[in-house]
PDB file of all heavy atoms in Angstrom:
ATOM      1  N   GLY A   1       1.187  27.125 -15.412  1.00  0.00           N
ATOM      2  CA  GLY A   1       0.186  27.695 -16.268  1.00  0.00           C
ATOM      3  C   GLY A   1      -0.362  28.993 -15.675  1.00  0.00           C
ATOM      4  O   GLY A   1       0.118  29.466 -14.637  1.00  0.00           O
ATOM      5  N   LEU A   2      -1.424  29.582 -16.282  1.00  0.00           N
ATOM      6  CA  LEU A   2      -2.037  30.760 -15.846  1.00  0.00           C
ATOM      7  C   LEU A   2      -3.320  30.385 -15.167  1.00  0.00           C
ATOM      8  O   LEU A   2      -4.258  29.742 -15.801  1.00  0.00           O
ATOM      9  CB  LEU A   2      -2.289  31.639 -17.034  1.00  0.00           C
ATOM     10  CG  LEU A   2      -3.090  32.940 -16.808  1.00  0.00           C
ATOM     11  CD1 LEU A   2      -2.413  33.805 -15.826  1.00  0.00           C
ATOM     12  CD2 LEU A   2      -3.377  33.650 -18.071  1.00  0.00           C
ATOM     13  N   VAL A   3      -3.487  30.756 -13.945  1.00  0.00           N
ATOM     14  CA  VAL A   3      -4.719  30.491 -13.142  1.00  0.00           C
ATOM     15  C   VAL A   3      -5.128  31.747 -12.404  1.00  0.00           C
ATOM     16  O   VAL A   3      -4.495  32.745 -12.380  1.00  0.00           O
ATOM     17  CB  VAL A   3      -4.516  29.352 -12.122  1.00  0.00           C
ATOM     18  CG1 VAL A   3      -4.117  28.080 -12.885  1.00  0.00           C
ATOM     19  CG2 VAL A   3      -3.365  29.694 -11.116  1.00  0.00           C
ATOM     20  N   GLN A   4      -6.324  31.632 -11.804  1.00  0.00           N
ATOM     21  CA  GLN A   4      -6.864  32.741 -11.032  1.00  0.00           C
ATOM     22  C   GLN A   4      -6.633  32.504  -9.517  1.00  0.00           C
ATOM     23  O   GLN A   4      -6.420  31.339  -9.068  1.00  0.00           O
ATOM     24  CB  GLN A   4      -8.336  32.906 -11.306  1.00  0.00           C
ATOM     25  CG  GLN A   4      -8.618  33.326 -12.724  1.00  0.00           C
ATOM     26  CD  GLN A   4     -10.126  33.590 -12.974  1.00  0.00           C
ATOM     27  OE1 GLN A   4     -10.962  32.916 -12.366  1.00  0.00           O
ATOM     28  NE2 GLN A   4     -10.424  34.457 -13.857  1.00  0.00           N
ATOM     29  N   THR A   5      -6.758  33.553  -8.699  1.00  0.00           N
ATOM     30  CA  THR A   5      -6.612  33.437  -7.269  1.00  0.00           C
ATOM     31  C   THR A   5      -7.602  32.373  -6.774  1.00  0.00           C
ATOM     32  O   THR A   5      -8.776  32.382  -7.114  1.00  0.00           O
ATOM     33  CB  THR A   5      -6.920  34.783  -6.623  1.00  0.00           C
ATOM     34  OG1 THR A   5      -5.920  35.758  -7.038  1.00  0.00           O
ATOM     35  CG2 THR A   5      -6.870  34.667  -5.109  1.00  0.00           C
ATOM     36  N   GLY A   6      -7.069  31.490  -5.925  1.00  0.00           N
ATOM     37  CA  GLY A   6      -7.892  30.442  -5.356  1.00  0.00           C
ATOM     38  C   GLY A   6      -7.837  29.123  -6.074  1.00  0.00           C
ATOM     39  O   GLY A   6      -8.273  28.105  -5.552  1.00  0.00           O
ATOM     40  N   ASP A   7      -7.331  29.156  -7.274  1.00  0.00           N
ATOM     41  CA  ASP A   7      -7.223  27.913  -8.083  1.00  0.00           C
ATOM     42  C   ASP A   7      -6.077  27.004  -7.591  1.00  0.00           C
ATOM     43  O   ASP A   7      -5.336  27.334  -6.721  1.00  0.00           O
ATOM     44  CB  ASP A   7      -6.974  28.254  -9.543  1.00  0.00           C
ATOM     45  CG  ASP A   7      -8.223  28.761 -10.236  1.00  0.00           C
ATOM     46  OD1 ASP A   7      -9.297  28.728  -9.626  1.00  0.00           O
ATOM     47  OD2 ASP A   7      -8.108  29.221 -11.359  1.00  0.00           O
ATOM     48  N   SER A   8      -6.022  25.831  -8.206  1.00  0.00           N
ATOM     49  CA  SER A   8      -4.994  24.840  -7.844  1.00  0.00           C
ATOM     50  C   SER A   8      -4.223  24.431  -9.099  1.00  0.00           C
ATOM     51  O   SER A   8      -4.737  24.429 -10.200  1.00  0.00           O
ATOM     52  CB  SER A   8      -5.666  23.595  -7.252  1.00  0.00           C
ATOM     53  OG  SER A   8      -6.315  23.939  -5.991  1.00  0.00           O
ATOM     54  N   LEU A   9      -3.005  24.035  -8.854  1.00  0.00           N
ATOM     55  CA  LEU A   9      -2.117  23.429  -9.855  1.00  0.00           C
ATOM     56  C   LEU A   9      -1.293  22.351  -9.260  1.00  0.00           C
ATOM     57  O   LEU A   9      -1.040  22.406  -8.084  1.00  0.00           O
ATOM     58  CB  LEU A   9      -1.194  24.496 -10.441  1.00  0.00           C
ATOM     59  CG  LEU A   9      -1.727  25.454 -11.536  1.00  0.00           C
ATOM     60  CD1 LEU A   9      -0.642  26.501 -11.869  1.00  0.00           C
ATOM     61  CD2 LEU A   9      -2.123  24.756 -12.752  1.00  0.00           C
ATOM     62  N   ARG A  10      -0.900  21.378 -10.070  1.00  0.00           N
ATOM     63  CA  ARG A  10       0.015  20.355  -9.639  1.00  0.00           C
ATOM     64  C   ARG A  10       1.205  20.330 -10.550  1.00  0.00           C
ATOM     65  O   ARG A  10       1.060  20.095 -11.793  1.00  0.00           O
ATOM     66  CB  ARG A  10      -0.593  18.980  -9.596  1.00  0.00           C
ATOM     67  CG  ARG A  10       0.337  17.900  -8.991  1.00  0.00           C
ATOM     68  CD  ARG A  10      -0.276  16.515  -8.974  1.00  0.00           C
ATOM     69  NE  ARG A  10      -0.375  15.963 -10.335  1.00  0.00           N
ATOM     70  CZ  ARG A  10      -0.712  14.701 -10.543  1.00  0.00           C
ATOM     71  NH1 ARG A  10      -0.909  13.843  -9.526  1.00  0.00           N
ATOM     72  NH2 ARG A  10      -0.779  14.256 -11.781  1.00  0.00           N
ATOM     73  N   LEU A  11       2.353  20.613 -10.007  1.00  0.00           N
ATOM     74  CA  LEU A  11       3.591  20.638 -10.735  1.00  0.00           C
ATOM     75  C   LEU A  11       4.237  19.217 -10.646  1.00  0.00           C
ATOM     76  O   LEU A  11       4.120  18.552  -9.614  1.00  0.00           O
ATOM     77  CB  LEU A  11       4.597  21.680 -10.248  1.00  0.00           C
ATOM     78  CG  LEU A  11       4.089  23.096 -10.171  1.00  0.00           C
ATOM     79  CD1 LEU A  11       5.193  24.070  -9.732  1.00  0.00           C
ATOM     80  CD2 LEU A  11       3.535  23.580 -11.500  1.00  0.00           C
ATOM     81  N   SER A  12       4.937  18.834 -11.691  1.00  0.00           N
ATOM     82  CA  SER A  12       5.623  17.541 -11.713  1.00  0.00           C
ATOM     83  C   SER A  12       7.059  17.787 -12.091  1.00  0.00           C
ATOM     84  O   SER A  12       7.407  18.678 -12.846  1.00  0.00           O
ATOM     85  CB  SER A  12       4.959  16.569 -12.751  1.00  0.00           C
ATOM     86  OG  SER A  12       3.627  16.337 -12.415  1.00  0.00           O
ATOM     87  N   CYS A  13       7.926  16.936 -11.589  1.00  0.00           N
ATOM     88  CA  CYS A  13       9.348  16.968 -11.915  1.00  0.00           C
ATOM     89  C   CYS A  13       9.804  15.518 -12.145  1.00  0.00           C
ATOM     90  O   CYS A  13       9.774  14.742 -11.232  1.00  0.00           O
ATOM     91  CB  CYS A  13      10.144  17.613 -10.785  1.00  0.00           C
ATOM     92  SG  CYS A  13      11.980  17.579 -11.014  1.00  0.00           S
ATOM     93  N   VAL A  14      10.192  15.231 -13.361  1.00  0.00           N
ATOM     94  CA  VAL A  14      10.664  13.905 -13.690  1.00  0.00           C
ATOM     95  C   VAL A  14      12.204  13.902 -13.663  1.00  0.00           C
ATOM     96  O   VAL A  14      12.850  14.748 -14.297  1.00  0.00           O
ATOM     97  CB  VAL A  14      10.172  13.474 -15.121  1.00  0.00           C
ATOM     98  CG1 VAL A  14      10.746  12.101 -15.485  1.00  0.00           C
ATOM     99  CG2 VAL A  14       8.634  13.438 -15.147  1.00  0.00           C
ATOM    100  N   VAL A  15      12.779  12.903 -12.981  1.00  0.00           N
ATOM    101  CA  VAL A  15      14.168  12.789 -12.810  1.00  0.00           C
ATOM    102  C   VAL A  15      14.698  11.673 -13.668  1.00  0.00           C
ATOM    103  O   VAL A  15      14.181  10.545 -13.657  1.00  0.00           O
ATOM    104  CB  VAL A  15      14.585  12.549 -11.397  1.00  0.00           C
ATOM    105  CG1 VAL A  15      16.094  12.472 -11.228  1.00  0.00           C
ATOM    106  CG2 VAL A  15      14.038  13.639 -10.448  1.00  0.00           C
ATOM    107  N   SER A  16      15.693  11.892 -14.473  1.00  0.00           N
ATOM    108  CA  SER A  16      16.286  10.843 -15.308  1.00  0.00           C
ATOM    109  C   SER A  16      17.810  10.822 -15.132  1.00  0.00           C
ATOM    110  O   SER A  16      18.372  11.817 -14.632  1.00  0.00           O
ATOM    111  CB  SER A  16      15.992  10.999 -16.769  1.00  0.00           C
ATOM    112  OG  SER A  16      16.497  12.235 -17.253  1.00  0.00           O
ATOM    113  N   GLY A  17      18.424   9.739 -15.442  1.00  0.00           N
ATOM    114  CA  GLY A  17      19.896   9.616 -15.271  1.00  0.00           C
ATOM    115  C   GLY A  17      20.176   8.675 -14.073  1.00  0.00           C
ATOM    116  O   GLY A  17      19.727   7.528 -14.103  1.00  0.00           O
ATOM    117  N   ARG A  18      20.862   9.222 -13.134  1.00  0.00           N
ATOM    118  CA  ARG A  18      21.254   8.434 -11.947  1.00  0.00           C
ATOM    119  C   ARG A  18      20.093   8.322 -10.919  1.00  0.00           C
ATOM    120  O   ARG A  18      20.231   8.846  -9.839  1.00  0.00           O
ATOM    121  CB  ARG A  18      22.531   9.033 -11.280  1.00  0.00           C
ATOM    122  CG  ARG A  18      23.684   9.113 -12.249  1.00  0.00           C
ATOM    123  CD  ARG A  18      24.817   9.878 -11.657  1.00  0.00           C
ATOM    124  NE  ARG A  18      25.914   9.939 -12.573  1.00  0.00           N
ATOM    125  CZ  ARG A  18      26.957  10.765 -12.447  1.00  0.00           C
ATOM    126  NH1 ARG A  18      27.088  11.538 -11.321  1.00  0.00           N
ATOM    127  NH2 ARG A  18      27.941  10.848 -13.372  1.00  0.00           N
ATOM    128  N   THR A  19      19.017   7.728 -11.374  1.00  0.00           N
ATOM    129  CA  THR A  19      17.841   7.673 -10.582  1.00  0.00           C
ATOM    130  C   THR A  19      17.935   6.679  -9.394  1.00  0.00           C
ATOM    131  O   THR A  19      17.049   6.594  -8.522  1.00  0.00           O
ATOM    132  CB  THR A  19      16.543   7.234 -11.429  1.00  0.00           C
ATOM    133  OG1 THR A  19      16.853   6.057 -12.086  1.00  0.00           O
ATOM    134  CG2 THR A  19      16.287   8.329 -12.439  1.00  0.00           C
ATOM    135  N   PHE A  20      19.017   5.952  -9.343  1.00  0.00           N
ATOM    136  CA  PHE A  20      19.237   5.058  -8.224  1.00  0.00           C
ATOM    137  C   PHE A  20      19.643   5.828  -6.955  1.00  0.00           C
ATOM    138  O   PHE A  20      19.605   5.308  -5.876  1.00  0.00           O
ATOM    139  CB  PHE A  20      20.288   4.001  -8.550  1.00  0.00           C
ATOM    140  CG  PHE A  20      21.647   4.582  -8.939  1.00  0.00           C
ATOM    141  CD1 PHE A  20      22.562   4.886  -7.951  1.00  0.00           C
ATOM    142  CD2 PHE A  20      21.919   4.805 -10.239  1.00  0.00           C
ATOM    143  CE1 PHE A  20      23.778   5.412  -8.309  1.00  0.00           C
ATOM    144  CE2 PHE A  20      23.142   5.392 -10.606  1.00  0.00           C
ATOM    145  CZ  PHE A  20      24.088   5.671  -9.618  1.00  0.00           C
ATOM    146  N   SER A  21      20.056   7.078  -7.178  1.00  0.00           N
ATOM    147  CA  SER A  21      20.541   7.878  -6.059  1.00  0.00           C
ATOM    148  C   SER A  21      19.354   8.266  -5.138  1.00  0.00           C
ATOM    149  O   SER A  21      18.261   8.568  -5.645  1.00  0.00           O
ATOM    150  CB  SER A  21      21.211   9.098  -6.535  1.00  0.00           C
ATOM    151  OG  SER A  21      22.385   8.840  -7.231  1.00  0.00           O
ATOM    152  N   ARG A  22      19.587   8.200  -3.865  1.00  0.00           N
ATOM    153  CA  ARG A  22      18.516   8.546  -2.893  1.00  0.00           C
ATOM    154  C   ARG A  22      18.520  10.054  -2.686  1.00  0.00           C
ATOM    155  O   ARG A  22      18.914  10.521  -1.621  1.00  0.00           O
ATOM    156  CB  ARG A  22      18.683   7.808  -1.587  1.00  0.00           C
ATOM    157  CG  ARG A  22      18.494   6.317  -1.700  1.00  0.00           C
ATOM    158  CD  ARG A  22      18.508   5.654  -0.354  1.00  0.00           C
ATOM    159  NE  ARG A  22      18.153   4.219  -0.440  1.00  0.00           N
ATOM    160  CZ  ARG A  22      17.954   3.471   0.621  1.00  0.00           C
ATOM    161  NH1 ARG A  22      18.106   3.963   1.814  1.00  0.00           N
ATOM    162  NH2 ARG A  22      17.679   2.167   0.420  1.00  0.00           N
ATOM    163  N   PHE A  23      18.053  10.765  -3.700  1.00  0.00           N
ATOM    164  CA  PHE A  23      18.023  12.235  -3.637  1.00  0.00           C
ATOM    165  C   PHE A  23      16.982  12.735  -2.630  1.00  0.00           C
ATOM    166  O   PHE A  23      15.855  12.315  -2.682  1.00  0.00           O
ATOM    167  CB  PHE A  23      17.745  12.828  -4.981  1.00  0.00           C
ATOM    168  CG  PHE A  23      18.862  12.622  -6.044  1.00  0.00           C
ATOM    169  CD1 PHE A  23      18.583  12.007  -7.223  1.00  0.00           C
ATOM    170  CD2 PHE A  23      20.146  13.117  -5.765  1.00  0.00           C
ATOM    171  CE1 PHE A  23      19.562  11.890  -8.186  1.00  0.00           C
ATOM    172  CE2 PHE A  23      21.108  12.954  -6.704  1.00  0.00           C
ATOM    173  CZ  PHE A  23      20.840  12.322  -7.919  1.00  0.00           C
ATOM    174  N   THR A  24      17.331  13.792  -1.902  1.00  0.00           N
ATOM    175  CA  THR A  24      16.330  14.605  -1.355  1.00  0.00           C
ATOM    176  C   THR A  24      15.955  15.623  -2.436  1.00  0.00           C
ATOM    177  O   THR A  24      16.799  16.184  -3.163  1.00  0.00           O
ATOM    178  CB  THR A  24      16.884  15.444  -0.142  1.00  0.00           C
ATOM    179  OG1 THR A  24      17.051  14.486   0.929  1.00  0.00           O
ATOM    180  CG2 THR A  24      16.004  16.529   0.280  1.00  0.00           C
ATOM    181  N   MET A  25      14.665  15.865  -2.618  1.00  0.00           N
ATOM    182  CA  MET A  25      14.170  16.793  -3.641  1.00  0.00           C
ATOM    183  C   MET A  25      13.598  18.030  -3.115  1.00  0.00           C
ATOM    184  O   MET A  25      12.973  17.992  -1.990  1.00  0.00           O
ATOM    185  CB  MET A  25      13.153  15.997  -4.498  1.00  0.00           C
ATOM    186  CG  MET A  25      13.587  14.815  -5.256  1.00  0.00           C
ATOM    187  SD  MET A  25      14.934  15.164  -6.448  1.00  0.00           S
ATOM    188  CE  MET A  25      14.028  16.212  -7.605  1.00  0.00           C
ATOM    189  N   GLY A  26      13.791  19.099  -3.765  1.00  0.00           N
ATOM    190  CA  GLY A  26      13.236  20.391  -3.354  1.00  0.00           C
ATOM    191  C   GLY A  26      12.570  21.144  -4.458  1.00  0.00           C
ATOM    192  O   GLY A  26      12.829  20.909  -5.640  1.00  0.00           O
ATOM    193  N   TRP A  27      11.707  22.037  -4.075  1.00  0.00           N
ATOM    194  CA  TRP A  27      11.096  22.956  -5.001  1.00  0.00           C
ATOM    195  C   TRP A  27      11.474  24.397  -4.559  1.00  0.00           C
ATOM    196  O   TRP A  27      11.436  24.732  -3.352  1.00  0.00           O
ATOM    197  CB  TRP A  27       9.551  22.881  -5.005  1.00  0.00           C
ATOM    198  CG  TRP A  27       9.050  21.700  -5.752  1.00  0.00           C
ATOM    199  CD1 TRP A  27       8.626  20.516  -5.252  1.00  0.00           C
ATOM    200  CD2 TRP A  27       8.824  21.622  -7.188  1.00  0.00           C
ATOM    201  NE1 TRP A  27       8.189  19.695  -6.226  1.00  0.00           N
ATOM    202  CE2 TRP A  27       8.250  20.305  -7.420  1.00  0.00           C
ATOM    203  CE3 TRP A  27       9.037  22.451  -8.221  1.00  0.00           C
ATOM    204  CZ2 TRP A  27       7.928  19.894  -8.685  1.00  0.00           C
ATOM    205  CZ3 TRP A  27       8.686  22.056  -9.542  1.00  0.00           C
ATOM    206  CH2 TRP A  27       8.135  20.781  -9.733  1.00  0.00           C
ATOM    207  N   PHE A  28      11.887  25.224  -5.514  1.00  0.00           N
ATOM    208  CA  PHE A  28      12.272  26.584  -5.300  1.00  0.00           C
ATOM    209  C   PHE A  28      11.466  27.422  -6.296  1.00  0.00           C
ATOM    210  O   PHE A  28      10.991  26.950  -7.330  1.00  0.00           O
ATOM    211  CB  PHE A  28      13.763  26.832  -5.524  1.00  0.00           C
ATOM    212  CG  PHE A  28      14.609  26.151  -4.521  1.00  0.00           C
ATOM    213  CD1 PHE A  28      14.815  24.767  -4.581  1.00  0.00           C
ATOM    214  CD2 PHE A  28      15.183  26.845  -3.466  1.00  0.00           C
ATOM    215  CE1 PHE A  28      15.606  24.143  -3.639  1.00  0.00           C
ATOM    216  CE2 PHE A  28      15.986  26.248  -2.554  1.00  0.00           C
ATOM    217  CZ  PHE A  28      16.215  24.864  -2.575  1.00  0.00           C
ATOM    218  N   ARG A  29      11.344  28.727  -6.071  1.00  0.00           N
ATOM    219  CA  ARG A  29      10.657  29.615  -6.976  1.00  0.00           C
ATOM    220  C   ARG A  29      11.385  30.981  -7.111  1.00  0.00           C
ATOM    221  O   ARG A  29      12.059  31.380  -6.129  1.00  0.00           O
ATOM    222  CB  ARG A  29       9.197  29.790  -6.598  1.00  0.00           C
ATOM    223  CG  ARG A  29       8.937  30.538  -5.256  1.00  0.00           C
ATOM    224  CD  ARG A  29       7.491  30.528  -4.911  1.00  0.00           C
ATOM    225  NE  ARG A  29       7.218  31.270  -3.682  1.00  0.00           N
ATOM    226  CZ  ARG A  29       6.021  31.312  -3.139  1.00  0.00           C
ATOM    227  NH1 ARG A  29       4.971  30.668  -3.606  1.00  0.00           N
ATOM    228  NH2 ARG A  29       5.905  32.069  -2.001  1.00  0.00           N
TER     229      ARG A  29
END
């Protein structure tokens, strides 16, 4: 979303499909 300097956000990532896999997860920008 759109926020101002100093604000906070929480991003979420939902994984579906082969969720039994022991994935290492990463965030990139």
